[in-house]
Amino acid sequence: MRKKINSIDKKIISLLAKRFQTTRNIGQSKQKIGLPIVDIPREEEMKQLRKHLANKYHIDIHIIESIFQEVIEQSKQDMLQHIYR
């Protein structure tokens, strides 16, 4: 069972790395065309999707929102660091 948890954790970390790389690329693209980093309508759309997925997989929405709040905040900071280096 521990090996299975370790494997799942590795996958989560790998997916987070891919997500951060993708948000860096999005940030660079937004900068090139003059769009703001923050996209409130998109964030709200994703929040609704997370609620749907939390319900689908029977996970407390508060846990999902807490996790993604941190991921999104770090993504924004990461984008800004890579844009303004």
C-alpha atoms as a PDB file:
ATOM      1  CA  MET A   1       0.000   0.000   0.000  1.00  0.00           C
ATOM      2  CA  ARG A   2       2.831   2.407   0.793  1.00  0.00           C
ATOM      3  CA  LYS A   3       4.334   1.848  -2.642  1.00  0.00           C
ATOM      4  CA  LYS A   4       0.984   2.694  -4.176  1.00  0.00           C
ATOM      5  CA  ILE A   5       0.772   5.941  -2.178  1.00  0.00           C
ATOM      6  CA  ASN A   6       4.358   6.798  -3.137  1.00  0.00           C
ATOM      7  CA  SER A   7       3.521   6.200  -6.781  1.00  0.00           C
ATOM      8  CA  ILE A   8       0.427   8.404  -6.572  1.00  0.00           C
ATOM      9  CA  ASP A   9       2.426  11.164  -4.848  1.00  0.00           C
ATOM     10  CA  LYS A  10       5.062  11.045  -7.604  1.00  0.00           C
ATOM     11  CA  LYS A  11       2.318  11.409 -10.204  1.00  0.00           C
ATOM     12  CA  ILE A  12       0.798  14.378  -8.356  1.00  0.00           C
ATOM     13  CA  ILE A  13       4.181  16.105  -8.180  1.00  0.00           C
ATOM     14  CA  SER A  14       4.884  15.397 -11.841  1.00  0.00           C
ATOM     15  CA  LEU A  15       1.484  16.808 -12.810  1.00  0.00           C
ATOM     16  CA  LEU A  16       2.092  19.911 -10.695  1.00  0.00           C
ATOM     17  CA  ALA A  17       5.431  20.446 -12.453  1.00  0.00           C
ATOM     18  CA  LYS A  18       3.668  20.179 -15.823  1.00  0.00           C
ATOM     19  CA  ARG A  19       0.971  22.577 -14.625  1.00  0.00           C
ATOM     20  CA  PHE A  20       3.534  25.167 -13.508  1.00  0.00           C
ATOM     21  CA  GLN A  21       5.383  24.895 -16.828  1.00  0.00           C
ATOM     22  CA  THR A  22       2.105  25.357 -18.679  1.00  0.00           C
ATOM     23  CA  THR A  23       1.151  28.412 -16.621  1.00  0.00           C
ATOM     24  CA  ARG A  24       4.622  29.897 -17.250  1.00  0.00           C
ATOM     25  CA  ASN A  25       4.049  29.485 -20.973  1.00  0.00           C
ATOM     26  CA  ILE A  26       0.594  31.041 -20.679  1.00  0.00           C
ATOM     27  CA  GLY A  27       2.041  33.961 -18.718  1.00  0.00           C
ATOM     28  CA  GLN A  28       4.672  34.587 -21.369  1.00  0.00           C
ATOM     29  CA  SER A  29       2.040  34.455 -24.104  1.00  0.00           C
ATOM     30  CA  LYS A  30      -0.200  36.847 -22.186  1.00  0.00           C
ATOM     31  CA  GLN A  31       2.688  39.253 -21.708  1.00  0.00           C
ATOM     32  CA  LYS A  32       3.512  39.216 -25.428  1.00  0.00           C
ATOM     33  CA  ILE A  33      -0.034  40.170 -26.410  1.00  0.00           C
ATOM     34  CA  GLY A  34      -0.642  42.509 -23.494  1.00  0.00           C
ATOM     35  CA  LEU A  35      -3.197  40.512 -21.509  1.00  0.00           C
ATOM     36  CA  PRO A  36      -3.306  40.604 -17.699  1.00  0.00           C
ATOM     37  CA  ILE A  37      -2.014  37.605 -15.766  1.00  0.00           C
ATOM     38  CA  VAL A  38      -5.190  37.315 -13.703  1.00  0.00           C
ATOM     39  CA  ASP A  39      -8.320  36.177 -15.542  1.00  0.00           C
ATOM     40  CA  ILE A  40     -11.220  36.308 -13.071  1.00  0.00           C
ATOM     41  CA  PRO A  41     -13.832  34.760 -15.418  1.00  0.00           C
ATOM     42  CA  ARG A  42     -11.465  31.844 -16.137  1.00  0.00           C
ATOM     43  CA  GLU A  43     -10.791  31.365 -12.427  1.00  0.00           C
ATOM     44  CA  GLU A  44     -14.523  31.254 -11.724  1.00  0.00           C
ATOM     45  CA  GLU A  45     -15.047  28.768 -14.566  1.00  0.00           C
ATOM     46  CA  MET A  46     -12.341  26.531 -13.126  1.00  0.00           C
ATOM     47  CA  LYS A  47     -13.813  26.855  -9.632  1.00  0.00           C
ATOM     48  CA  GLN A  48     -17.118  25.511 -10.945  1.00  0.00           C
ATOM     49  CA  LEU A  49     -15.323  22.638 -12.653  1.00  0.00           C
ATOM     50  CA  ARG A  50     -13.492  21.776  -9.415  1.00  0.00           C
ATOM     51  CA  LYS A  51     -16.819  21.741  -7.541  1.00  0.00           C
ATOM     52  CA  HIS A  52     -18.240  19.364 -10.117  1.00  0.00           C
ATOM     53  CA  LEU A  53     -15.200  17.079  -9.928  1.00  0.00           C
ATOM     54  CA  ALA A  54     -15.152  17.142  -6.118  1.00  0.00           C
ATOM     55  CA  ASN A  55     -18.780  16.015  -6.109  1.00  0.00           C
ATOM     56  CA  LYS A  56     -18.126  13.384  -8.765  1.00  0.00           C
ATOM     57  CA  TYR A  57     -15.250  11.869  -6.776  1.00  0.00           C
ATOM     58  CA  HIS A  58     -16.869  12.391  -3.339  1.00  0.00           C
ATOM     59  CA  ILE A  59     -14.171  14.737  -2.042  1.00  0.00           C
ATOM     60  CA  ASP A  60     -14.967  17.604   0.309  1.00  0.00           C
ATOM     61  CA  ILE A  61     -15.038  20.784  -1.810  1.00  0.00           C
ATOM     62  CA  HIS A  62     -13.284  22.716   0.965  1.00  0.00           C
ATOM     63  CA  ILE A  63     -10.267  20.427   0.687  1.00  0.00           C
ATOM     64  CA  ILE A  64     -10.157  20.835  -3.091  1.00  0.00           C
ATOM     65  CA  GLU A  65     -10.542  24.611  -2.882  1.00  0.00           C
ATOM     66  CA  SER A  66      -7.813  24.860  -0.253  1.00  0.00           C
ATOM     67  CA  ILE A  67      -5.394  22.857  -2.370  1.00  0.00           C
ATOM     68  CA  PHE A  68      -6.173  24.720  -5.575  1.00  0.00           C
ATOM     69  CA  GLN A  69      -6.107  28.123  -3.919  1.00  0.00           C
ATOM     70  CA  GLU A  70      -2.469  27.447  -3.058  1.00  0.00           C
ATOM     71  CA  VAL A  71      -1.674  25.955  -6.469  1.00  0.00           C
ATOM     72  CA  ILE A  72      -3.236  28.923  -8.285  1.00  0.00           C
ATOM     73  CA  GLU A  73      -1.492  31.480  -6.083  1.00  0.00           C
ATOM     74  CA  GLN A  74       1.848  29.767  -6.628  1.00  0.00           C
ATOM     75  CA  SER A  75       1.163  29.587 -10.365  1.00  0.00           C
ATOM     76  CA  LYS A  76       0.576  33.344 -10.473  1.00  0.00           C
ATOM     77  CA  GLN A  77       3.756  34.028  -8.516  1.00  0.00           C
ATOM     78  CA  ASP A  78       5.692  31.633 -10.725  1.00  0.00           C
ATOM     79  CA  MET A  79       4.375  33.326 -13.879  1.00  0.00           C
ATOM     80  CA  LEU A  80       5.351  36.746 -12.604  1.00  0.00           C
ATOM     81  CA  GLN A  81       8.845  35.596 -11.630  1.00  0.00           C
ATOM     82  CA  HIS A  82       9.457  34.133 -15.071  1.00  0.00           C
ATOM     83  CA  ILE A  83       8.039  37.123 -16.913  1.00  0.00           C
ATOM     84  CA  TYR A  84       9.932  39.802 -14.995  1.00  0.00           C
ATOM     85  CA  ARG A  85      13.358  38.221 -14.694  1.00  0.00           C
END
